């Protein structure tokens, strides 16, 4: 999707999965509007931070990794666990929550496209 390429930070999780985080509020809204029915959306619960969008394969490990990447860009001052809510776009009533420690900068950068 060409419009998706213009938004946010892009990460290649595996060959079949891509994760994108917004850099500002307008990009967060854009990610939400560009999400397809089987994409997953991620949002922090207990602090300010980006919306994340996972497109492609979504195993438990991949969802956990995306939550940690999303947490890395949240406004948390002390490195504590961050609560991230995530859901499949077409199943908004099925929101789930996960608490994760943000990935270290070097690890996050290893996925950055």
PDB file of N, CA and C in Angstrom:
ATOM      1  N   UNK A   1       0.841  -1.175   0.000  1.00  0.00           N
ATOM      2  CA  UNK A   1       0.000   0.000   0.000  1.00  0.00           C
ATOM      3  C   UNK A   1       0.889   1.242   0.000  1.00  0.00           C
ATOM      4  N   UNK A   2       0.850   1.998  -1.061  1.00  0.00           N
ATOM      5  CA  UNK A   2       1.736   3.147  -1.235  1.00  0.00           C
ATOM      6  C   UNK A   2       1.510   4.216  -0.177  1.00  0.00           C
ATOM      7  N   UNK A   3       0.275   4.431   0.244  1.00  0.00           N
ATOM      8  CA  UNK A   3      -0.007   5.437   1.267  1.00  0.00           C
ATOM      9  C   UNK A   3       0.617   5.074   2.608  1.00  0.00           C
ATOM     10  N   UNK A   4       0.698   3.796   2.884  1.00  0.00           N
ATOM     11  CA  UNK A   4       1.297   3.329   4.135  1.00  0.00           C
ATOM     12  C   UNK A   4       2.800   3.596   4.169  1.00  0.00           C
ATOM     13  N   UNK A   5       3.441   3.575   3.020  1.00  0.00           N
ATOM     14  CA  UNK A   5       4.883   3.830   2.954  1.00  0.00           C
ATOM     15  C   UNK A   5       5.249   5.253   3.342  1.00  0.00           C
ATOM     16  N   UNK A   6       4.295   6.164   3.286  1.00  0.00           N
ATOM     17  CA  UNK A   6       4.545   7.572   3.578  1.00  0.00           C
ATOM     18  C   UNK A   6       4.419   7.902   5.065  1.00  0.00           C
ATOM     19  N   UNK A   7       4.082   6.908   5.885  1.00  0.00           N
ATOM     20  CA  UNK A   7       3.728   7.164   7.278  1.00  0.00           C
ATOM     21  C   UNK A   7       4.632   6.394   8.234  1.00  0.00           C
ATOM     22  N   UNK A   8       5.134   7.056   9.255  1.00  0.00           N
ATOM     23  CA  UNK A   8       5.745   6.408  10.408  1.00  0.00           C
ATOM     24  C   UNK A   8       7.108   5.781  10.209  1.00  0.00           C
ATOM     25  N   UNK A   9       7.493   5.012  11.238  1.00  0.00           N
ATOM     26  CA  UNK A   9       8.721   4.210  11.235  1.00  0.00           C
ATOM     27  C   UNK A   9       8.345   2.794  10.808  1.00  0.00           C
ATOM     28  N   UNK A  10       9.122   2.204   9.924  1.00  0.00           N
ATOM     29  CA  UNK A  10       8.812   0.879   9.387  1.00  0.00           C
ATOM     30  C   UNK A  10       9.829  -0.148   9.878  1.00  0.00           C
ATOM     31  N   UNK A  11       9.308  -1.309  10.287  1.00  0.00           N
ATOM     32  CA  UNK A  11      10.135  -2.395  10.795  1.00  0.00           C
ATOM     33  C   UNK A  11       9.776  -3.687  10.072  1.00  0.00           C
ATOM     34  N   UNK A  12      10.783  -4.451   9.675  1.00  0.00           N
ATOM     35  CA  UNK A  12      10.560  -5.768   9.080  1.00  0.00           C
ATOM     36  C   UNK A  12      10.767  -6.782  10.205  1.00  0.00           C
ATOM     37  N   UNK A  13       9.691  -7.409  10.637  1.00  0.00           N
ATOM     38  CA  UNK A  13       9.746  -8.366  11.736  1.00  0.00           C
ATOM     39  C   UNK A  13      10.245  -9.712  11.219  1.00  0.00           C
ATOM     40  N   UNK A  14       9.571 -10.232  10.244  1.00  0.00           N
ATOM     41  CA  UNK A  14      10.004 -11.396   9.464  1.00  0.00           C
ATOM     42  C   UNK A  14       9.608 -11.093   8.026  1.00  0.00           C
ATOM     43  N   UNK A  15       9.973 -11.978   7.128  1.00  0.00           N
ATOM     44  CA  UNK A  15       9.679 -11.736   5.709  1.00  0.00           C
ATOM     45  C   UNK A  15       8.192 -11.453   5.475  1.00  0.00           C
ATOM     46  N   UNK A  16       7.324 -12.126   6.223  1.00  0.00           N
ATOM     47  CA  UNK A  16       5.880 -12.009   6.007  1.00  0.00           C
ATOM     48  C   UNK A  16       5.198 -10.996   6.916  1.00  0.00           C
ATOM     49  N   UNK A  17       5.952 -10.249   7.712  1.00  0.00           N
ATOM     50  CA  UNK A  17       5.339  -9.317   8.664  1.00  0.00           C
ATOM     51  C   UNK A  17       6.085  -7.993   8.710  1.00  0.00           C
ATOM     52  N   UNK A  18       5.297  -6.921   8.696  1.00  0.00           N
ATOM     53  CA  UNK A  18       5.844  -5.569   8.781  1.00  0.00           C
ATOM     54  C   UNK A  18       5.101  -4.843   9.895  1.00  0.00           C
ATOM     55  N   UNK A  19       5.840  -4.032  10.659  1.00  0.00           N
ATOM     56  CA  UNK A  19       5.257  -3.255  11.745  1.00  0.00           C
ATOM     57  C   UNK A  19       5.582  -1.786  11.528  1.00  0.00           C
ATOM     58  N   UNK A  20       4.607  -0.924  11.760  1.00  0.00           N
ATOM     59  CA  UNK A  20       4.781   0.510  11.550  1.00  0.00           C
ATOM     60  C   UNK A  20       4.296   1.240  12.808  1.00  0.00           C
ATOM     61  N   UNK A  21       5.075   2.206  13.273  1.00  0.00           N
ATOM     62  CA  UNK A  21       4.629   3.049  14.381  1.00  0.00           C
ATOM     63  C   UNK A  21       4.527   4.491  13.899  1.00  0.00           C
ATOM     64  N   UNK A  22       3.537   5.186  14.411  1.00  0.00           N
ATOM     65  CA  UNK A  22       3.382   6.599  14.104  1.00  0.00           C
ATOM     66  C   UNK A  22       4.440   7.419  14.828  1.00  0.00           C
ATOM     67  N   UNK A  23       4.786   8.565  14.248  1.00  0.00           N
ATOM     68  CA  UNK A  23       5.762   9.463  14.870  1.00  0.00           C
ATOM     69  C   UNK A  23       5.092  10.671  15.511  1.00  0.00           C
ATOM     70  N   UNK A  24       3.854  10.916  15.148  1.00  0.00           N
ATOM     71  CA  UNK A  24       3.100  12.042  15.705  1.00  0.00           C
ATOM     72  C   UNK A  24       1.619  11.698  15.618  1.00  0.00           C
ATOM     73  N   UNK A  25       0.795  12.505  16.260  1.00  0.00           N
ATOM     74  CA  UNK A  25      -0.631  12.214  16.358  1.00  0.00           C
ATOM     75  C   UNK A  25      -1.304  12.049  14.991  1.00  0.00           C
ATOM     76  N   UNK A  26      -0.929  12.874  14.027  1.00  0.00           N
ATOM     77  CA  UNK A  26      -1.549  12.762  12.693  1.00  0.00           C
ATOM     78  C   UNK A  26      -1.206  11.426  12.042  1.00  0.00           C
ATOM     79  N   UNK A  27       0.029  10.956  12.239  1.00  0.00           N
ATOM     80  CA  UNK A  27       0.398   9.651  11.672  1.00  0.00           C
ATOM     81  C   UNK A  27      -0.333   8.519  12.396  1.00  0.00           C
ATOM     82  N   UNK A  28      -0.552   8.672  13.692  1.00  0.00           N
ATOM     83  CA  UNK A  28      -1.314   7.660  14.428  1.00  0.00           C
ATOM     84  C   UNK A  28      -2.715   7.519  13.845  1.00  0.00           C
ATOM     85  N   UNK A  29      -3.355   8.630  13.561  1.00  0.00           N
ATOM     86  CA  UNK A  29      -4.697   8.614  12.957  1.00  0.00           C
ATOM     87  C   UNK A  29      -4.661   8.009  11.559  1.00  0.00           C
ATOM     88  N   UNK A  30      -3.630   8.345  10.805  1.00  0.00           N
ATOM     89  CA  UNK A  30      -3.495   7.808   9.450  1.00  0.00           C
ATOM     90  C   UNK A  30      -3.326   6.300   9.481  1.00  0.00           C
ATOM     91  N   UNK A  31      -2.492   5.792  10.396  1.00  0.00           N
ATOM     92  CA  UNK A  31      -2.315   4.339  10.511  1.00  0.00           C
ATOM     93  C   UNK A  31      -3.640   3.655  10.803  1.00  0.00           C
ATOM     94  N   UNK A  32      -4.409   4.233  11.707  1.00  0.00           N
ATOM     95  CA  UNK A  32      -5.713   3.661  12.040  1.00  0.00           C
ATOM     96  C   UNK A  32      -6.623   3.630  10.812  1.00  0.00           C
ATOM     97  N   UNK A  33      -6.627   4.702  10.034  1.00  0.00           N
ATOM     98  CA  UNK A  33      -7.510   4.765   8.866  1.00  0.00           C
ATOM     99  C   UNK A  33      -7.038   3.858   7.721  1.00  0.00           C
ATOM    100  N   UNK A  34      -5.732   3.579   7.650  1.00  0.00           N
ATOM    101  CA  UNK A  34      -5.204   2.724   6.577  1.00  0.00           C
ATOM    102  C   UNK A  34      -5.201   1.235   6.937  1.00  0.00           C
ATOM    103  N   UNK A  35      -5.527   0.921   8.177  1.00  0.00           N
ATOM    104  CA  UNK A  35      -5.523  -0.475   8.608  1.00  0.00           C
ATOM    105  C   UNK A  35      -6.580  -1.275   7.852  1.00  0.00           C
ATOM    106  N   UNK A  36      -6.174  -2.444   7.390  1.00  0.00           N
ATOM    107  CA  UNK A  36      -7.079  -3.361   6.707  1.00  0.00           C
ATOM    108  C   UNK A  36      -7.715  -4.287   7.742  1.00  0.00           C
ATOM    109  N   UNK A  37      -8.779  -5.003   7.383  1.00  0.00           N
ATOM    110  CA  UNK A  37      -9.504  -5.815   8.365  1.00  0.00           C
ATOM    111  C   UNK A  37      -8.653  -6.799   9.170  1.00  0.00           C
ATOM    112  N   UNK A  38      -7.600  -7.371   8.591  1.00  0.00           N
ATOM    113  CA  UNK A  38      -6.831  -8.378   9.335  1.00  0.00           C
ATOM    114  C   UNK A  38      -5.499  -7.840   9.864  1.00  0.00           C
ATOM    115  N   UNK A  39      -5.305  -6.531   9.809  1.00  0.00           N
ATOM    116  CA  UNK A  39      -4.146  -5.903  10.445  1.00  0.00           C
ATOM    117  C   UNK A  39      -4.399  -5.830  11.949  1.00  0.00           C
ATOM    118  N   UNK A  40      -3.318  -5.780  12.711  1.00  0.00           N
ATOM    119  CA  UNK A  40      -3.421  -5.569  14.151  1.00  0.00           C
ATOM    120  C   UNK A  40      -3.000  -4.145  14.463  1.00  0.00           C
ATOM    121  N   UNK A  41      -3.715  -3.507  15.382  1.00  0.00           N
ATOM    122  CA  UNK A  41      -3.378  -2.178  15.860  1.00  0.00           C
ATOM    123  C   UNK A  41      -2.902  -2.267  17.309  1.00  0.00           C
ATOM    124  N   UNK A  42      -1.945  -1.432  17.681  1.00  0.00           N
ATOM    125  CA  UNK A  42      -1.348  -1.414  19.019  1.00  0.00           C
ATOM    126  C   UNK A  42      -1.401   0.019  19.543  1.00  0.00           C
ATOM    127  N   UNK A  43      -1.759   0.171  20.835  1.00  0.00           N
ATOM    128  CA  UNK A  43      -1.764   1.490  21.466  1.00  0.00           C
ATOM    129  C   UNK A  43      -1.367   1.344  22.933  1.00  0.00           C
ATOM    130  N   UNK A  44      -0.576   2.278  23.451  1.00  0.00           N
ATOM    131  CA  UNK A  44      -0.227   2.237  24.869  1.00  0.00           C
ATOM    132  C   UNK A  44      -1.429   2.612  25.733  1.00  0.00           C
ATOM    133  N   UNK A  45      -1.467   2.038  26.937  1.00  0.00           N
ATOM    134  CA  UNK A  45      -2.583   2.282  27.845  1.00  0.00           C
ATOM    135  C   UNK A  45      -2.188   3.250  28.964  1.00  0.00           C
ATOM    136  N   UNK A  46      -1.018   3.059  29.554  1.00  0.00           N
ATOM    137  CA  UNK A  46      -0.658   3.797  30.763  1.00  0.00           C
ATOM    138  C   UNK A  46       0.330   4.940  30.522  1.00  0.00           C
ATOM    139  N   UNK A  47       0.491   5.369  29.282  1.00  0.00           N
ATOM    140  CA  UNK A  47       1.345   6.512  28.960  1.00  0.00           C
ATOM    141  C   UNK A  47       1.034   6.978  27.540  1.00  0.00           C
ATOM    142  N   UNK A  48       1.608   8.099  27.147  1.00  0.00           N
ATOM    143  CA  UNK A  48       1.461   8.601  25.779  1.00  0.00           C
ATOM    144  C   UNK A  48       2.404   7.827  24.870  1.00  0.00           C
ATOM    145  N   UNK A  49       1.986   7.577  23.652  1.00  0.00           N
ATOM    146  CA  UNK A  49       2.841   6.882  22.710  1.00  0.00           C
ATOM    147  C   UNK A  49       2.157   6.651  21.385  1.00  0.00           C
ATOM    148  N   UNK A  50       2.867   5.989  20.482  1.00  0.00           N
ATOM    149  CA  UNK A  50       2.368   5.845  19.116  1.00  0.00           C
ATOM    150  C   UNK A  50       1.340   4.737  18.953  1.00  0.00           C
ATOM    151  N   UNK A  51       0.596   4.872  17.879  1.00  0.00           N
ATOM    152  CA  UNK A  51      -0.206   3.764  17.375  1.00  0.00           C
ATOM    153  C   UNK A  51       0.731   2.903  16.551  1.00  0.00           C
ATOM    154  N   UNK A  52       0.582   1.603  16.645  1.00  0.00           N
ATOM    155  CA  UNK A  52       1.360   0.680  15.831  1.00  0.00           C
ATOM    156  C   UNK A  52       0.431  -0.140  14.961  1.00  0.00           C
ATOM    157  N   UNK A  53       0.913  -0.544  13.802  1.00  0.00           N
ATOM    158  CA  UNK A  53       0.131  -1.360  12.878  1.00  0.00           C
ATOM    159  C   UNK A  53       0.986  -2.533  12.443  1.00  0.00           C
ATOM    160  N   UNK A  54       0.476  -3.735  12.634  1.00  0.00           N
ATOM    161  CA  UNK A  54       1.133  -4.964  12.184  1.00  0.00           C
ATOM    162  C   UNK A  54       0.374  -5.497  10.987  1.00  0.00           C
ATOM    163  N   UNK A  55       1.086  -5.668   9.891  1.00  0.00           N
ATOM    164  CA  UNK A  55       0.499  -6.239   8.676  1.00  0.00           C
ATOM    165  C   UNK A  55       1.265  -7.498   8.331  1.00  0.00           C
ATOM    166  N   UNK A  56       0.529  -8.594   8.128  1.00  0.00           N
ATOM    167  CA  UNK A  56       1.158  -9.860   7.773  1.00  0.00           C
ATOM    168  C   UNK A  56       0.953 -10.898   8.856  1.00  0.00           C
ATOM    169  N   UNK A  57       1.852 -11.865   8.880  1.00  0.00           N
ATOM    170  CA  UNK A  57       1.766 -12.965   9.840  1.00  0.00           C
ATOM    171  C   UNK A  57       1.796 -12.425  11.267  1.00  0.00           C
ATOM    172  N   UNK A  58       0.935 -12.978  12.135  1.00  0.00           N
ATOM    173  CA  UNK A  58       0.810 -12.449  13.496  1.00  0.00           C
ATOM    174  C   UNK A  58       0.751 -13.579  14.520  1.00  0.00           C
ATOM    175  N   UNK A  59       1.886 -14.168  14.830  1.00  0.00           N
ATOM    176  CA  UNK A  59       1.947 -15.182  15.883  1.00  0.00           C
ATOM    177  C   UNK A  59       2.045 -14.493  17.239  1.00  0.00           C
ATOM    178  N   UNK A  60       1.962 -15.264  18.302  1.00  0.00           N
ATOM    179  CA  UNK A  60       2.095 -14.707  19.652  1.00  0.00           C
ATOM    180  C   UNK A  60       3.455 -14.030  19.836  1.00  0.00           C
ATOM    181  N   UNK A  61       4.522 -14.649  19.336  1.00  0.00           N
ATOM    182  CA  UNK A  61       5.864 -14.062  19.445  1.00  0.00           C
ATOM    183  C   UNK A  61       5.977 -12.756  18.670  1.00  0.00           C
ATOM    184  N   UNK A  62       5.385 -12.706  17.498  1.00  0.00           N
ATOM    185  CA  UNK A  62       5.423 -11.492  16.674  1.00  0.00           C
ATOM    186  C   UNK A  62       4.641 -10.370  17.345  1.00  0.00           C
ATOM    187  N   UNK A  63       3.476 -10.682  17.884  1.00  0.00           N
ATOM    188  CA  UNK A  63       2.678  -9.674  18.590  1.00  0.00           C
ATOM    189  C   UNK A  63       3.446  -9.150  19.797  1.00  0.00           C
ATOM    190  N   UNK A  64       4.094 -10.030  20.544  1.00  0.00           N
ATOM    191  CA  UNK A  64       4.884  -9.627  21.707  1.00  0.00           C
ATOM    192  C   UNK A  64       6.031  -8.693  21.289  1.00  0.00           C
ATOM    193  N   UNK A  65       6.731  -9.041  20.217  1.00  0.00           N
ATOM    194  CA  UNK A  65       7.832  -8.213  19.722  1.00  0.00           C
ATOM    195  C   UNK A  65       7.326  -6.836  19.272  1.00  0.00           C
ATOM    196  N   UNK A  66       6.218  -6.807  18.559  1.00  0.00           N
ATOM    197  CA  UNK A  66       5.659  -5.529  18.099  1.00  0.00           C
ATOM    198  C   UNK A  66       5.247  -4.657  19.281  1.00  0.00           C
ATOM    199  N   UNK A  67       4.684  -5.260  20.314  1.00  0.00           N
ATOM    200  CA  UNK A  67       4.317  -4.499  21.518  1.00  0.00           C
ATOM    201  C   UNK A  67       5.563  -3.891  22.159  1.00  0.00           C
ATOM    202  N   UNK A  68       6.665  -4.643  22.178  1.00  0.00           N
ATOM    203  CA  UNK A  68       7.919  -4.128  22.759  1.00  0.00           C
ATOM    204  C   UNK A  68       8.506  -2.999  21.917  1.00  0.00           C
ATOM    205  N   UNK A  69       8.398  -3.121  20.595  1.00  0.00           N
ATOM    206  CA  UNK A  69       8.866  -2.041  19.721  1.00  0.00           C
ATOM    207  C   UNK A  69       8.004  -0.804  19.945  1.00  0.00           C
ATOM    208  N   UNK A  70       6.698  -0.987  19.995  1.00  0.00           N
ATOM    209  CA  UNK A  70       5.794   0.138  20.223  1.00  0.00           C
ATOM    210  C   UNK A  70       6.104   0.812  21.565  1.00  0.00           C
ATOM    211  N   UNK A  71       6.365   0.007  22.587  1.00  0.00           N
ATOM    212  CA  UNK A  71       6.681   0.532  23.921  1.00  0.00           C
ATOM    213  C   UNK A  71       7.957   1.364  23.901  1.00  0.00           C
ATOM    214  N   UNK A  72       8.887   1.032  23.037  1.00  0.00           N
ATOM    215  CA  UNK A  72      10.153   1.762  22.947  1.00  0.00           C
ATOM    216  C   UNK A  72       9.930   3.250  22.639  1.00  0.00           C
ATOM    217  N   UNK A  73       8.884   3.553  21.899  1.00  0.00           N
ATOM    218  CA  UNK A  73       8.626   4.926  21.484  1.00  0.00           C
ATOM    219  C   UNK A  73       7.578   5.633  22.354  1.00  0.00           C
ATOM    220  N   UNK A  74       7.210   5.018  23.474  1.00  0.00           N
ATOM    221  CA  UNK A  74       6.259   5.637  24.405  1.00  0.00           C
ATOM    222  C   UNK A  74       6.977   6.615  25.321  1.00  0.00           C
ATOM    223  N   UNK A  75       6.211   7.548  25.868  1.00  0.00           N
ATOM    224  CA  UNK A  75       6.746   8.558  26.776  1.00  0.00           C
ATOM    225  C   UNK A  75       6.779   8.027  28.210  1.00  0.00           C
ATOM    226  N   UNK A  76       7.608   7.049  28.442  1.00  0.00           N
ATOM    227  CA  UNK A  76       7.771   6.488  29.779  1.00  0.00           C
ATOM    228  C   UNK A  76       9.134   6.923  30.288  1.00  0.00           C
ATOM    229  N   UNK A  77       9.179   7.463  31.479  1.00  0.00           N
ATOM    230  CA  UNK A  77      10.415   8.065  31.962  1.00  0.00           C
ATOM    231  C   UNK A  77      11.356   7.093  32.661  1.00  0.00           C
ATOM    232  N   UNK A  78      10.906   5.917  33.040  1.00  0.00           N
ATOM    233  CA  UNK A  78      11.767   5.088  33.872  1.00  0.00           C
ATOM    234  C   UNK A  78      11.985   3.655  33.381  1.00  0.00           C
ATOM    235  N   UNK A  79      11.567   3.306  32.208  1.00  0.00           N
ATOM    236  CA  UNK A  79      11.837   1.974  31.667  1.00  0.00           C
ATOM    237  C   UNK A  79      10.993   0.855  32.262  1.00  0.00           C
ATOM    238  N   UNK A  80       9.948   1.214  33.038  1.00  0.00           N
ATOM    239  CA  UNK A  80       9.055   0.196  33.585  1.00  0.00           C
ATOM    240  C   UNK A  80       8.267  -0.455  32.458  1.00  0.00           C
ATOM    241  N   UNK A  81       7.556  -1.511  32.830  1.00  0.00           N
ATOM    242  CA  UNK A  81       6.694  -2.156  31.843  1.00  0.00           C
ATOM    243  C   UNK A  81       5.606  -1.188  31.399  1.00  0.00           C
ATOM    244  N   UNK A  82       5.260  -1.321  30.152  1.00  0.00           N
ATOM    245  CA  UNK A  82       4.216  -0.485  29.556  1.00  0.00           C
ATOM    246  C   UNK A  82       3.085  -1.390  29.110  1.00  0.00           C
ATOM    247  N   UNK A  83       1.871  -0.982  29.415  1.00  0.00           N
ATOM    248  CA  UNK A  83       0.697  -1.736  28.980  1.00  0.00           C
ATOM    249  C   UNK A  83       0.350  -1.315  27.560  1.00  0.00           C
ATOM    250  N   UNK A  84       0.246  -2.303  26.708  1.00  0.00           N
ATOM    251  CA  UNK A  84      -0.123  -2.071  25.302  1.00  0.00           C
ATOM    252  C   UNK A  84      -1.406  -2.845  25.033  1.00  0.00           C
ATOM    253  N   UNK A  85      -2.391  -2.167  24.497  1.00  0.00           N
ATOM    254  CA  UNK A  85      -3.606  -2.845  24.073  1.00  0.00           C
ATOM    255  C   UNK A  85      -3.467  -3.099  22.570  1.00  0.00           C
ATOM    256  N   UNK A  86      -3.908  -4.277  22.128  1.00  0.00           N
ATOM    257  CA  UNK A  86      -3.833  -4.606  20.703  1.00  0.00           C
ATOM    258  C   UNK A  86      -5.084  -5.362  20.299  1.00  0.00           C
ATOM    259  N   UNK A  87      -5.423  -5.241  19.013  1.00  0.00           N
ATOM    260  CA  UNK A  87      -6.609  -5.908  18.499  1.00  0.00           C
ATOM    261  C   UNK A  87      -6.520  -6.010  16.990  1.00  0.00           C
ATOM    262  N   UNK A  88      -7.257  -6.978  16.481  1.00  0.00           N
ATOM    263  CA  UNK A  88      -7.380  -7.120  15.033  1.00  0.00           C
ATOM    264  C   UNK A  88      -8.420  -6.106  14.564  1.00  0.00           C
ATOM    265  N   UNK A  89      -8.110  -5.358  13.529  1.00  0.00           N
ATOM    266  CA  UNK A  89      -8.950  -4.242  13.080  1.00  0.00           C
ATOM    267  C   UNK A  89     -10.415  -4.638  12.930  1.00  0.00           C
ATOM    268  N   UNK A  90     -10.688  -5.813  12.401  1.00  0.00           N
ATOM    269  CA  UNK A  90     -12.076  -6.214  12.183  1.00  0.00           C
ATOM    270  C   UNK A  90     -12.717  -6.803  13.443  1.00  0.00           C
ATOM    271  N   UNK A  91     -11.974  -6.898  14.535  1.00  0.00           N
ATOM    272  CA  UNK A  91     -12.499  -7.465  15.785  1.00  0.00           C
ATOM    273  C   UNK A  91     -12.236  -6.522  16.949  1.00  0.00           C
ATOM    274  N   UNK A  92     -12.649  -5.284  16.824  1.00  0.00           N
ATOM    275  CA  UNK A  92     -12.339  -4.279  17.843  1.00  0.00           C
ATOM    276  C   UNK A  92     -12.862  -4.671  19.224  1.00  0.00           C
ATOM    277  N   UNK A  93     -13.930  -5.461  19.284  1.00  0.00           N
ATOM    278  CA  UNK A  93     -14.442  -5.885  20.587  1.00  0.00           C
ATOM    279  C   UNK A  93     -13.541  -6.940  21.232  1.00  0.00           C
ATOM    280  N   UNK A  94     -12.564  -7.451  20.501  1.00  0.00           N
ATOM    281  CA  UNK A  94     -11.650  -8.471  21.015  1.00  0.00           C
ATOM    282  C   UNK A  94     -10.312  -7.900  21.462  1.00  0.00           C
ATOM    283  N   UNK A  95     -10.305  -6.691  22.020  1.00  0.00           N
ATOM    284  CA  UNK A  95      -9.049  -6.067  22.437  1.00  0.00           C
ATOM    285  C   UNK A  95      -8.393  -6.867  23.555  1.00  0.00           C
ATOM    286  N   UNK A  96      -7.071  -6.987  23.466  1.00  0.00           N
ATOM    287  CA  UNK A  96      -6.284  -7.681  24.480  1.00  0.00           C
ATOM    288  C   UNK A  96      -5.210  -6.735  24.987  1.00  0.00           C
ATOM    289  N   UNK A  97      -4.695  -7.014  26.157  1.00  0.00           N
ATOM    290  CA  UNK A  97      -3.684  -6.148  26.760  1.00  0.00           C
ATOM    291  C   UNK A  97      -2.463  -6.980  27.136  1.00  0.00           C
ATOM    292  N   UNK A  98      -1.303  -6.389  26.950  1.00  0.00           N
ATOM    293  CA  UNK A  98      -0.041  -7.043  27.286  1.00  0.00           C
ATOM    294  C   UNK A  98       0.845  -6.001  27.967  1.00  0.00           C
ATOM    295  N   UNK A  99       1.597  -6.417  28.977  1.00  0.00           N
ATOM    296  CA  UNK A  99       2.564  -5.537  29.641  1.00  0.00           C
ATOM    297  C   UNK A  99       3.956  -5.974  29.218  1.00  0.00           C
ATOM    298  N   UNK A 100       4.731  -5.030  28.685  1.00  0.00           N
ATOM    299  CA  UNK A 100       6.057  -5.358  28.154  1.00  0.00           C
ATOM    300  C   UNK A 100       7.078  -4.312  28.561  1.00  0.00           C
ATOM    301  N   UNK A 101       8.320  -4.740  28.642  1.00  0.00           N
ATOM    302  CA  UNK A 101       9.441  -3.804  28.789  1.00  0.00           C
ATOM    303  C   UNK A 101       9.839  -3.376  27.382  1.00  0.00           C
ATOM    304  N   UNK A 102      10.096  -2.094  27.180  1.00  0.00           N
ATOM    305  CA  UNK A 102      10.523  -1.633  25.851  1.00  0.00           C
ATOM    306  C   UNK A 102      11.834  -2.305  25.429  1.00  0.00           C
ATOM    307  N   UNK A 103      11.961  -2.587  24.142  1.00  0.00           N
ATOM    308  CA  UNK A 103      13.218  -3.111  23.608  1.00  0.00           C
ATOM    309  C   UNK A 103      14.298  -2.052  23.717  1.00  0.00           C
ATOM    310  N   UNK A 104      15.527  -2.505  23.853  1.00  0.00           N
ATOM    311  CA  UNK A 104      16.668  -1.585  23.835  1.00  0.00           C
ATOM    312  C   UNK A 104      16.818  -1.001  22.433  1.00  0.00           C
ATOM    313  N   UNK A 105      17.380   0.193  22.359  1.00  0.00           N
ATOM    314  CA  UNK A 105      17.527   0.910  21.090  1.00  0.00           C
ATOM    315  C   UNK A 105      18.226   0.073  20.027  1.00  0.00           C
ATOM    316  N   UNK A 106      19.298  -0.605  20.383  1.00  0.00           N
ATOM    317  CA  UNK A 106      20.061  -1.385  19.408  1.00  0.00           C
ATOM    318  C   UNK A 106      19.228  -2.509  18.805  1.00  0.00           C
ATOM    319  N   UNK A 107      18.412  -3.155  19.633  1.00  0.00           N
ATOM    320  CA  UNK A 107      17.580  -4.246  19.136  1.00  0.00           C
ATOM    321  C   UNK A 107      16.474  -3.714  18.229  1.00  0.00           C
ATOM    322  N   UNK A 108      15.866  -2.604  18.625  1.00  0.00           N
ATOM    323  CA  UNK A 108      14.833  -1.996  17.799  1.00  0.00           C
ATOM    324  C   UNK A 108      15.409  -1.629  16.435  1.00  0.00           C
ATOM    325  N   UNK A 109      16.593  -1.035  16.439  1.00  0.00           N
ATOM    326  CA  UNK A 109      17.231  -0.615  15.180  1.00  0.00           C
ATOM    327  C   UNK A 109      17.544  -1.779  14.266  1.00  0.00           C
ATOM    328  N   UNK A 110      17.700  -2.978  14.818  1.00  0.00           N
ATOM    329  CA  UNK A 110      17.981  -4.147  13.975  1.00  0.00           C
ATOM    330  C   UNK A 110      16.783  -4.532  13.106  1.00  0.00           C
ATOM    331  N   UNK A 111      15.603  -4.088  13.478  1.00  0.00           N
ATOM    332  CA  UNK A 111      14.378  -4.359  12.689  1.00  0.00           C
ATOM    333  C   UNK A 111      13.984  -3.191  11.785  1.00  0.00           C
ATOM    334  N   UNK A 112      14.552  -2.023  12.028  1.00  0.00           N
ATOM    335  CA  UNK A 112      14.205  -0.811  11.294  1.00  0.00           C
ATOM    336  C   UNK A 112      14.553  -0.944   9.815  1.00  0.00           C
ATOM    337  N   UNK A 113      13.615  -0.559   8.964  1.00  0.00           N
ATOM    338  CA  UNK A 113      13.855  -0.608   7.510  1.00  0.00           C
ATOM    339  C   UNK A 113      14.424   0.729   7.075  1.00  0.00           C
TER     340      UNK A 113
END
